[in-house]
Amino acid sequence: MSSAPQVPPSYEDLLAMLVELRERVDRLEAENAELRRRLGLNSSNSSKPPSSDGLARPRPQSGKRGGSGRSRGKQPGAPGSTLELAADPDQVVQHRPDRCVNPACGIGLDGGREYGRQRRQVVELPERRPVVTEHQLVAVECAGCGQVSEPAAPAGVTGRVQYGTDVKAAAVYARAGQFLPFGRVAALMADLLGVRVSTGFVHQVVTEAARRLGPFVSRLAALLQVQDVLHADETPARVGPCLPKSWTGDRDRCRAAAIPEEVEFATKPQQAQAMVERAIEAWVPFSWFTADEAYGQNPGLRGWLEDQDIAYVMATRCDDGVPSGLHTTLRVDELIARVRAGAWQRLSCGDGARGPRRYDWARVPIRRTFAHGRRGWVLARRSISDPGEIAYYVCFGRRGTRLRELVRVAGSRWSVEESFQTAKNEVGLVQCQVRRYDAWYAHITLAMAAAAFLVVTRAAEASKGASPQTRAA
């Protein structure tokens, strides 16, 4: 049985197919361009935090800056680190020739006149041996009444044999300052200082140091409570580490790592919500919540904040959809593309290392009803030097909120990100290798306290007239 002959497509059918294929190609090219744009985003050209760069951290673009005309190396007037001769050396060793170096002479030089002298000094570490101080408490019997009087031991001397404060300080510094494991701290103390300590001793003195920092941490928490912007970041210092389901689903594994039973799997937006809930329960006053696009693109977190009547400014991706009418949504980049040229305002969102961070800003209201009679907006930040570089934010707040206020909150994320980066560089906030939850928590808490101490010390030095470039250490 022969099949029916195939009818060739008509001109109209071919034209329709061509139009459809052309539209598909255009759509795929647009998607490809968008994917390439996203792959090129980093902390230097978008609202992404520096910690998201990973191993693909962009190299500094020094070529964009003009030459200063100065030579390389230390500049005139800058403090140097060249070794200088000590005016009062601890030890002086004189070297004199025994006989005349003239082969034709060769007589002894015991009575020779000094002709000149060169000074050369060698800086060396002291002998590696501990200094043992014995405190003898001598009891004395009174010759008059026979009463025996015993002296009090010096402050801090409580045991028969114990380590001094300098030994404890060295152990704490090696563990908390240089992030060495407990075993390597004990080995360092024995090899370099000649003091043999156990890993238990190291753990004990680090725990005691953390306990003594308690009042300082409480003071720091009180200062944080007066800030009006609550920020969420990928560093979950007060909520807990991001545990994968492979961990939280294995409770025996969690117990072996000292992870509390109440710790369950949670995404970053869920952890941010838990952080805000704890802040509310603790009556921490704040006016705004801000976060990067990892949180801003999550509709669940946005909806929860709106139900709690918490104003927010959060970054989001360019293809995030928002209501634009009855049962319709529109991408935020398409919504901002409709803004007329004269509606953009040039504003500073805060001061940076090179002065005010100025951008062009615009906002468009989100057309839907919000809880508590509030309003919502899509906020856009456009680069002045490259108008095609635009970052997007979703906002929620009270009616009458000015654009300048939204810009201020959006810019507050920079200072928070810089604080995290400084803590990572200066005190090793995330430079830890631990096997237990409590060890991780202790490291994060101590690192945050150390970072706060450096900031307070620098502010105190600046108030005395010291250079703001001086780092406290």
Protein backbone atom coordinates (compact mmCIF):
# COMPACT_ATOMS: atom_id res chain seq x y z
CA MET A 1 0.00 0.00 0.00
CA SER A 2 1.64 3.24 -1.11
CA SER A 3 1.72 6.22 1.22
CA ALA A 4 0.04 9.46 0.33
CA PRO A 5 2.28 11.84 -1.60
CA GLN A 6 3.82 14.63 0.53
CA VAL A 7 2.55 18.06 -0.32
CA PRO A 8 5.39 20.60 -0.43
CA PRO A 9 4.92 23.57 1.91
CA SER A 10 3.53 26.69 0.42
CA TYR A 11 5.30 30.00 0.23
CA GLU A 12 3.26 31.30 3.15
CA ASP A 13 4.21 28.24 5.27
CA LEU A 14 7.90 28.67 4.49
CA LEU A 15 7.72 32.35 5.31
CA ALA A 16 6.02 31.59 8.64
CA MET A 17 8.68 28.97 9.45
CA LEU A 18 11.43 31.44 8.57
CA VAL A 19 9.93 34.09 10.84
CA GLU A 20 9.60 31.56 13.67
CA LEU A 21 13.19 30.39 13.26
CA ARG A 22 14.43 33.99 13.17
CA GLU A 23 12.59 34.77 16.41
CA ARG A 24 14.03 31.64 18.01
CA VAL A 25 17.56 32.61 16.94
CA ASP A 26 17.09 36.13 18.31
CA ARG A 27 15.79 34.73 21.59
CA LEU A 28 18.69 32.28 21.92
CA GLU A 29 21.21 34.99 21.11
CA ALA A 30 19.69 37.21 23.78
CA GLU A 31 19.82 34.38 26.32
CA ASN A 32 23.42 33.65 25.36
CA ALA A 33 24.36 37.30 25.78
CA GLU A 34 22.67 37.40 29.19
CA LEU A 35 24.49 34.25 30.33
CA ARG A 36 27.80 35.70 29.19
CA ARG A 37 27.02 38.89 31.08
CA ARG A 38 26.27 36.93 34.24
CA LEU A 39 29.48 34.93 33.93
CA GLY A 40 31.39 38.19 33.76
CA LEU A 41 29.87 39.61 36.95
CA ASN A 42 32.10 39.94 39.99
CA SER A 43 32.51 42.19 43.00
CA SER A 44 34.11 44.95 40.93
CA ASN A 45 31.31 45.39 38.37
CA SER A 46 28.12 44.32 40.18
CA SER A 47 26.50 44.10 43.62
CA LYS A 48 28.02 40.67 44.24
CA PRO A 49 30.13 40.49 47.44
CA PRO A 50 33.93 40.04 47.16
CA SER A 51 33.70 36.63 48.84
CA SER A 52 31.69 35.30 45.86
CA ASP A 53 34.64 35.81 43.50
CA GLY A 54 36.41 32.70 44.79
CA LEU A 55 39.46 31.63 42.78
CA ALA A 56 38.27 33.78 39.87
CA ARG A 57 38.94 37.00 41.78
CA PRO A 58 39.57 39.74 39.21
CA ARG A 59 43.05 41.18 39.04
CA PRO A 60 43.37 44.86 39.97
CA GLN A 61 42.99 46.99 36.88
CA SER A 62 45.93 49.23 37.56
CA GLY A 63 46.10 50.23 33.90
CA LYS A 64 43.05 52.45 34.28
CA ARG A 65 44.90 54.73 36.67
CA GLY A 66 47.38 57.26 35.44
CA GLY A 67 50.99 57.12 36.53
CA SER A 68 51.87 59.07 39.65
CA GLY A 69 55.36 59.88 38.44
CA ARG A 70 56.87 58.43 41.61
CA SER A 71 59.59 55.79 41.62
CA ARG A 72 58.96 52.27 42.82
CA GLY A 73 59.70 51.20 46.37
CA LYS A 74 59.67 53.20 49.59
CA GLN A 75 58.73 56.82 49.11
CA PRO A 76 60.64 59.73 50.70
CA GLY A 77 59.40 60.36 54.22
CA ALA A 78 57.79 56.94 54.60
CA PRO A 79 58.88 55.00 57.69
CA GLY A 80 61.52 52.39 56.84
CA SER A 81 62.42 49.04 58.37
CA THR A 82 66.21 49.05 57.88
CA LEU A 83 68.19 47.65 60.79
CA GLU A 84 70.02 50.33 62.73
CA LEU A 85 72.99 49.99 65.08
CA ALA A 86 71.92 49.68 68.69
CA ALA A 87 73.37 52.38 70.92
CA ASP A 88 73.62 50.02 73.92
CA PRO A 89 74.21 46.43 72.73
CA ASP A 90 73.68 43.60 75.21
CA GLN A 91 77.07 42.08 74.52
CA VAL A 92 80.30 43.47 73.00
CA VAL A 93 83.02 41.20 71.60
CA GLN A 94 86.28 42.81 70.46
CA HIS A 95 88.39 41.21 67.74
CA ARG A 96 92.09 42.32 67.52
CA PRO A 97 94.85 40.98 65.28
CA ASP A 98 97.67 39.12 67.09
CA ARG A 99 100.53 39.90 64.69
CA CYS A 100 101.28 42.41 61.94
CA VAL A 101 99.90 41.32 58.58
CA ASN A 102 102.98 42.67 56.76
CA PRO A 103 104.96 39.56 55.68
CA ALA A 104 108.22 41.48 56.03
CA CYS A 105 107.42 42.42 59.63
CA GLY A 106 105.16 39.96 61.46
CA ILE A 107 105.84 41.27 64.97
CA GLY A 108 103.26 41.06 67.76
CA LEU A 109 100.72 43.84 68.23
CA ASP A 110 100.20 43.69 72.00
CA GLY A 111 101.45 47.25 72.48
CA GLY A 112 100.29 48.63 69.18
CA ARG A 113 98.28 51.88 68.95
CA GLU A 114 94.60 51.58 67.93
CA TYR A 115 94.17 53.02 64.45
CA GLY A 116 90.41 52.60 63.88
CA ARG A 117 87.37 50.55 64.79
CA GLN A 118 84.40 49.13 62.85
CA ARG A 119 81.10 48.25 64.52
CA ARG A 120 79.10 45.31 63.22
CA GLN A 121 76.09 44.00 65.11
CA VAL A 122 74.20 40.72 64.85
CA VAL A 123 70.62 40.53 66.12
CA GLU A 124 69.95 37.06 67.50
CA LEU A 125 67.22 35.31 69.45
CA PRO A 126 67.91 34.67 73.13
CA GLU A 127 68.72 31.22 74.42
CA ARG A 128 65.72 28.92 74.16
CA ARG A 129 65.17 28.04 77.80
CA PRO A 130 62.33 28.94 80.15
CA VAL A 131 62.95 31.17 83.14
CA VAL A 132 61.82 29.47 86.35
CA THR A 133 61.04 31.74 89.27
CA GLU A 134 60.64 30.05 92.65
CA HIS A 135 58.54 31.85 95.23
CA GLN A 136 59.52 30.71 98.75
CA LEU A 137 56.88 31.48 101.35
CA VAL A 138 58.89 31.69 104.56
CA ALA A 139 56.91 31.23 107.78
CA VAL A 140 58.38 33.08 110.81
CA GLU A 141 57.73 32.34 114.47
CA CYS A 142 57.32 35.36 116.73
CA ALA A 143 59.93 35.45 119.52
CA GLY A 144 57.51 37.24 121.82
CA CYS A 145 54.27 35.21 121.63
CA GLY A 146 55.24 32.20 119.54
CA GLN A 147 52.68 32.93 116.83
CA VAL A 148 53.71 31.66 113.39
CA SER A 149 53.13 34.18 110.57
CA GLU A 150 52.97 33.06 106.93
CA PRO A 151 53.22 35.48 103.96
CA ALA A 152 50.59 35.60 101.21
CA ALA A 153 51.51 34.23 97.82
CA PRO A 154 51.87 36.76 94.98
CA ALA A 155 48.74 37.38 92.91
CA GLY A 156 48.20 34.64 90.37
CA VAL A 157 50.56 32.15 92.01
CA THR A 158 48.14 29.44 93.10
CA GLY A 159 49.70 26.10 92.22
CA ARG A 160 52.79 24.21 93.27
CA VAL A 161 54.11 24.43 89.72
CA GLN A 162 52.36 26.44 87.03
CA TYR A 163 52.93 28.34 83.79
CA GLY A 164 53.23 32.11 83.87
CA THR A 165 51.15 34.69 82.05
CA ASP A 166 53.68 35.10 79.23
CA VAL A 167 53.53 31.37 78.46
CA LYS A 168 49.73 31.51 78.39
CA ALA A 169 49.76 34.63 76.21
CA ALA A 170 52.13 32.98 73.73
CA ALA A 171 49.86 29.93 73.47
CA VAL A 172 46.76 32.09 72.93
CA TYR A 173 48.53 34.18 70.29
CA ALA A 174 49.74 31.11 68.38
CA ARG A 175 46.27 29.57 68.43
CA ALA A 176 44.00 32.63 67.99
CA GLY A 177 46.40 34.97 66.21
CA GLN A 178 48.21 32.57 63.88
CA PHE A 179 45.40 29.95 63.68
CA LEU A 180 47.67 27.00 64.44
CA PRO A 181 46.05 23.69 65.48
CA PHE A 182 46.35 22.77 69.15
CA GLY A 183 48.97 20.11 68.48
CA ARG A 184 51.14 22.47 66.43
CA VAL A 185 50.88 25.14 69.14
CA ALA A 186 52.22 22.66 71.69
CA ALA A 187 55.03 21.63 69.29
CA LEU A 188 55.91 25.28 68.61
CA MET A 189 56.12 26.08 72.32
CA ALA A 190 58.47 23.14 72.88
CA ASP A 191 60.69 23.60 69.82
CA LEU A 192 60.99 27.38 69.77
CA LEU A 193 60.58 28.42 73.41
CA GLY A 194 61.65 25.27 75.23
CA VAL A 195 58.34 25.05 77.14
CA ARG A 196 56.59 21.69 76.90
CA VAL A 197 52.81 22.08 77.19
CA SER A 198 49.95 19.74 76.40
CA THR A 199 47.15 20.34 73.92
CA GLY A 200 44.77 20.35 76.87
CA PHE A 201 46.65 23.29 78.38
CA VAL A 202 46.40 25.19 75.08
CA HIS A 203 42.65 24.55 74.90
CA GLN A 204 42.27 25.64 78.54
CA VAL A 205 44.06 28.98 78.17
CA VAL A 206 42.25 29.79 74.88
CA THR A 207 38.92 29.07 76.58
CA GLU A 208 39.90 31.28 79.52
CA ALA A 209 40.88 34.10 77.15
CA ALA A 210 37.50 33.82 75.39
CA ARG A 211 35.74 33.94 78.80
CA ARG A 212 37.57 37.11 79.77
CA LEU A 213 36.48 38.70 76.51
CA GLY A 214 32.85 38.24 77.57
CA PRO A 215 32.32 41.83 78.83
CA PHE A 216 33.96 43.21 75.70
CA VAL A 217 31.70 41.12 73.44
CA SER A 218 28.66 42.30 75.43
CA ARG A 219 29.74 45.91 74.96
CA LEU A 220 30.23 45.28 71.26
CA ALA A 221 26.73 43.79 71.00
CA ALA A 222 25.31 46.87 72.73
CA LEU A 223 27.00 49.14 70.18
CA LEU A 224 25.67 47.06 67.29
CA GLN A 225 22.14 47.41 68.63
CA VAL A 226 22.10 51.16 68.00
CA GLN A 227 22.74 50.69 64.26
CA ASP A 228 19.68 51.31 62.08
CA VAL A 229 20.55 48.88 59.24
CA LEU A 230 20.49 45.12 59.73
CA HIS A 231 22.59 43.33 57.13
CA ALA A 232 22.61 39.69 56.01
CA ASP A 233 25.72 38.18 54.44
CA GLU A 234 26.98 34.76 53.44
CA THR A 235 29.10 34.66 56.61
CA PRO A 236 26.60 33.18 59.14
CA ALA A 237 28.55 34.08 62.26
CA ARG A 238 25.66 34.16 64.73
CA VAL A 239 23.36 31.55 63.20
CA GLY A 240 25.63 28.66 62.29
CA PRO A 241 27.53 27.21 59.35
CA CYS A 242 25.71 26.21 56.16
CA LEU A 243 25.37 22.46 56.67
CA PRO A 244 24.40 20.34 53.63
CA LYS A 245 21.61 17.81 53.82
CA SER A 246 24.17 15.00 53.80
CA TRP A 247 25.19 16.24 57.25
CA THR A 248 21.86 17.18 58.80
CA GLY A 249 20.36 13.89 57.61
CA ASP A 250 22.98 11.91 59.55
CA ARG A 251 22.42 12.69 63.23
CA ASP A 252 25.21 10.35 64.40
CA ARG A 253 27.64 12.31 62.27
CA CYS A 254 26.29 15.56 63.69
CA ARG A 255 26.65 14.35 67.28
CA ALA A 256 30.25 13.30 66.61
CA ALA A 257 30.93 16.87 65.44
CA ALA A 258 29.14 18.39 68.48
CA ILE A 259 26.39 19.85 66.29
CA PRO A 260 23.31 20.55 68.45
CA GLU A 261 20.20 18.46 67.81
CA GLU A 262 18.13 21.56 66.99
CA VAL A 263 20.40 22.51 64.06
CA GLU A 264 18.66 21.47 60.85
CA PHE A 265 19.30 22.07 57.17
CA ALA A 266 18.60 25.67 56.20
CA THR A 267 19.21 27.70 53.07
CA LYS A 268 20.91 31.09 53.26
CA PRO A 269 17.58 32.99 53.08
CA GLN A 270 16.23 30.76 55.87
CA GLN A 271 19.32 31.51 57.95
CA ALA A 272 18.86 35.22 57.33
CA GLN A 273 15.25 34.93 58.49
CA ALA A 274 16.40 33.13 61.64
CA MET A 275 18.92 35.92 62.28
CA VAL A 276 16.22 38.58 61.97
CA GLU A 277 13.90 36.59 64.24
CA ARG A 278 16.61 36.45 66.90
CA ALA A 279 17.17 40.19 66.56
CA ILE A 280 13.44 40.84 67.02
CA GLU A 281 13.25 38.55 70.05
CA ALA A 282 16.24 40.37 71.58
CA TRP A 283 14.56 43.76 70.97
CA VAL A 284 17.42 44.92 68.75
CA PRO A 285 16.26 48.22 67.22
CA PHE A 286 16.77 48.61 63.47
CA SER A 287 14.96 50.46 60.69
CA TRP A 288 16.07 48.64 57.53
CA PHE A 289 17.20 45.23 56.34
CA THR A 290 19.62 44.89 53.43
CA ALA A 291 21.31 41.97 51.68
CA ASP A 292 22.85 40.90 48.38
CA GLU A 293 21.05 39.19 45.50
CA ALA A 294 21.42 35.70 47.02
CA TYR A 295 18.73 36.86 49.45
CA GLY A 296 16.94 39.54 47.45
CA GLN A 297 15.89 37.14 44.69
CA ASN A 298 14.17 34.85 47.22
CA PRO A 299 10.41 35.59 47.22
CA GLY A 300 9.91 33.68 50.47
CA LEU A 301 12.26 35.94 52.42
CA ARG A 302 10.79 39.07 50.83
CA GLY A 303 7.26 37.96 51.68
CA TRP A 304 8.17 37.15 55.28
CA LEU A 305 9.83 40.56 55.77
CA GLU A 306 6.75 42.28 54.36
CA ASP A 307 4.47 40.30 56.71
CA GLN A 308 6.67 41.40 59.62
CA ASP A 309 6.54 45.02 58.36
CA ILE A 310 10.34 45.16 58.07
CA ALA A 311 11.55 47.66 55.49
CA TYR A 312 14.22 46.31 53.16
CA VAL A 313 16.51 47.16 50.24
CA MET A 314 17.93 43.98 48.67
CA ALA A 315 19.89 43.45 45.48
CA THR A 316 18.37 41.11 42.91
CA ARG A 317 19.18 39.67 39.51
CA CYS A 318 18.21 41.47 36.32
CA ASP A 319 15.63 38.85 35.22
CA ASP A 320 13.76 38.86 38.53
CA GLY A 321 10.05 39.43 37.88
CA VAL A 322 7.83 41.90 39.74
CA PRO A 323 4.11 42.69 39.36
CA SER A 324 3.46 45.28 36.67
CA GLY A 325 -0.31 45.15 36.53
CA LEU A 326 -3.30 42.87 37.00
CA HIS A 327 -2.04 39.25 36.79
CA THR A 328 1.09 40.35 34.89
CA THR A 329 4.77 40.45 35.78
CA LEU A 330 7.74 42.16 34.19
CA ARG A 331 11.49 41.72 34.47
CA VAL A 332 13.16 44.40 36.56
CA ASP A 333 15.59 45.30 33.76
CA GLU A 334 12.70 45.75 31.34
CA LEU A 335 10.87 47.88 33.90
CA ILE A 336 13.91 50.13 34.43
CA ALA A 337 14.47 50.36 30.66
CA ARG A 338 11.19 52.31 30.44
CA VAL A 339 12.51 55.06 32.76
CA ARG A 340 12.96 58.32 30.87
CA ALA A 341 16.43 59.79 30.71
CA GLY A 342 15.61 62.79 32.89
CA ALA A 343 14.34 60.63 35.77
CA TRP A 344 17.83 59.43 36.77
CA GLN A 345 19.42 61.27 39.70
CA ARG A 346 23.15 61.36 40.46
CA LEU A 347 23.61 60.60 44.15
CA SER A 348 26.33 59.34 46.46
CA CYS A 349 25.63 56.14 48.39
CA GLY A 350 28.52 56.67 50.81
CA ASP A 351 32.21 57.44 50.95
CA GLY A 352 34.80 55.03 49.59
CA ALA A 353 38.59 54.92 49.52
CA ARG A 354 38.64 57.45 46.64
CA GLY A 355 35.85 59.70 47.81
CA PRO A 356 32.05 59.59 47.43
CA ARG A 357 30.60 56.61 45.55
CA ARG A 358 28.51 58.44 42.95
CA TYR A 359 26.10 56.67 40.61
CA ASP A 360 22.96 57.48 38.67
CA TRP A 361 19.87 56.17 40.49
CA ALA A 362 16.25 55.65 39.51
CA ARG A 363 13.26 53.86 41.00
CA VAL A 364 9.93 52.58 39.70
CA PRO A 365 6.97 51.65 41.94
CA ILE A 366 5.84 48.03 42.01
CA ARG A 367 2.17 47.90 41.05
CA ARG A 368 0.60 45.70 43.68
CA THR A 369 -0.94 46.05 47.13
CA PHE A 370 1.48 45.58 50.02
CA ALA A 371 0.73 44.65 53.61
CA HIS A 372 0.44 47.35 56.28
CA GLY A 373 -0.22 49.98 53.63
CA ARG A 374 3.42 50.06 52.57
CA ARG A 375 4.92 50.62 49.14
CA GLY A 376 7.39 48.69 46.99
CA TRP A 377 9.91 49.86 44.40
CA VAL A 378 12.47 48.59 41.94
CA LEU A 379 15.68 50.57 42.47
CA ALA A 380 18.44 50.77 39.83
CA ARG A 381 22.06 51.87 40.17
CA ARG A 382 23.79 52.86 36.92
CA SER A 383 27.51 53.38 36.45
CA ILE A 384 28.51 56.88 35.34
CA SER A 385 31.49 55.71 33.28
CA ASP A 386 29.64 52.71 31.76
CA PRO A 387 25.86 53.34 31.50
CA GLY A 388 25.33 49.74 30.42
CA GLU A 389 26.42 48.52 33.86
CA ILE A 390 23.25 48.53 35.98
CA ALA A 391 22.54 46.85 39.33
CA TYR A 392 18.98 46.23 40.51
CA TYR A 393 17.30 46.23 43.93
CA VAL A 394 13.85 45.40 45.26
CA CYS A 395 12.63 47.68 48.05
CA PHE A 396 9.83 47.76 50.57
CA GLY A 397 9.05 50.56 53.01
CA ARG A 398 6.65 53.17 54.23
CA ARG A 399 4.90 55.57 51.91
CA GLY A 400 6.81 58.76 51.34
CA THR A 401 10.24 57.13 51.52
CA ARG A 402 12.61 59.32 49.52
CA LEU A 403 14.97 58.03 46.86
CA ARG A 404 17.94 59.35 48.83
CA GLU A 405 17.00 57.12 51.78
CA LEU A 406 16.83 54.01 49.60
CA VAL A 407 20.22 54.91 48.13
CA ARG A 408 21.72 55.33 51.60
CA VAL A 409 20.52 51.89 52.71
CA ALA A 410 21.71 50.27 49.48
CA GLY A 411 25.14 51.84 49.96
CA SER A 412 25.44 50.64 53.56
CA ARG A 413 26.22 47.17 52.23
CA TRP A 414 29.65 48.37 51.08
CA SER A 415 30.81 49.20 54.57
CA VAL A 416 29.55 45.87 55.86
CA GLU A 417 31.27 43.96 53.04
CA GLU A 418 34.49 45.89 53.72
CA SER A 419 34.22 45.00 57.40
CA PHE A 420 33.90 41.31 56.53
CA GLN A 421 36.84 41.50 54.13
CA THR A 422 38.97 43.30 56.73
CA ALA A 423 38.11 40.66 59.33
CA LYS A 424 39.04 37.91 56.87
CA ASN A 425 42.39 39.54 56.06
CA GLU A 426 43.41 40.84 59.49
CA VAL A 427 42.09 38.24 61.95
CA GLY A 428 41.33 35.22 59.73
CA LEU A 429 37.56 35.23 60.14
CA VAL A 430 37.13 32.27 57.77
CA GLN A 431 40.66 30.85 57.97
CA CYS A 432 39.96 27.90 60.20
CA GLN A 433 40.12 24.12 59.88
CA VAL A 434 37.92 22.57 62.54
CA ARG A 435 36.18 19.26 63.04
CA ARG A 436 33.63 20.30 65.65
CA TYR A 437 30.78 22.81 65.69
CA ASP A 438 31.79 24.28 69.06
CA ALA A 439 35.37 24.82 67.84
CA TRP A 440 34.05 26.64 64.76
CA TYR A 441 31.78 28.79 66.93
CA ALA A 442 34.63 29.66 69.30
CA HIS A 443 36.90 30.64 66.40
CA ILE A 444 34.28 32.86 64.76
CA THR A 445 33.40 34.56 68.07
CA LEU A 446 37.04 35.19 69.01
CA ALA A 447 37.87 36.46 65.50
CA MET A 448 34.94 38.89 65.56
CA ALA A 449 35.98 40.14 69.00
CA ALA A 450 39.58 40.59 67.78
CA ALA A 451 38.37 42.51 64.72
CA ALA A 452 36.24 44.77 66.89
CA PHE A 453 39.19 45.36 69.21
CA LEU A 454 41.34 46.48 66.26
CA VAL A 455 38.62 48.85 65.07
CA VAL A 456 38.18 50.36 68.54
CA THR A 457 41.96 50.69 68.98
CA ARG A 458 42.34 52.39 65.62
CA ALA A 459 39.51 54.80 66.40
CA ALA A 460 41.10 55.60 69.76
CA GLU A 461 44.48 56.26 68.11
CA ALA A 462 42.84 58.43 65.45
CA SER A 463 41.19 60.52 68.17
CA LYS A 464 44.65 61.18 69.58
CA GLY A 465 45.84 62.56 66.25
CA ALA A 466 47.51 59.43 64.84
CA SER A 467 47.43 58.83 61.09
CA PRO A 468 44.24 56.98 60.00
CA GLN A 469 46.43 54.74 57.82
CA THR A 470 48.13 53.28 60.89
CA ARG A 471 46.91 49.76 61.56
CA ALA A 472 46.37 48.60 65.11
CA ALA A 473 47.98 45.23 65.79
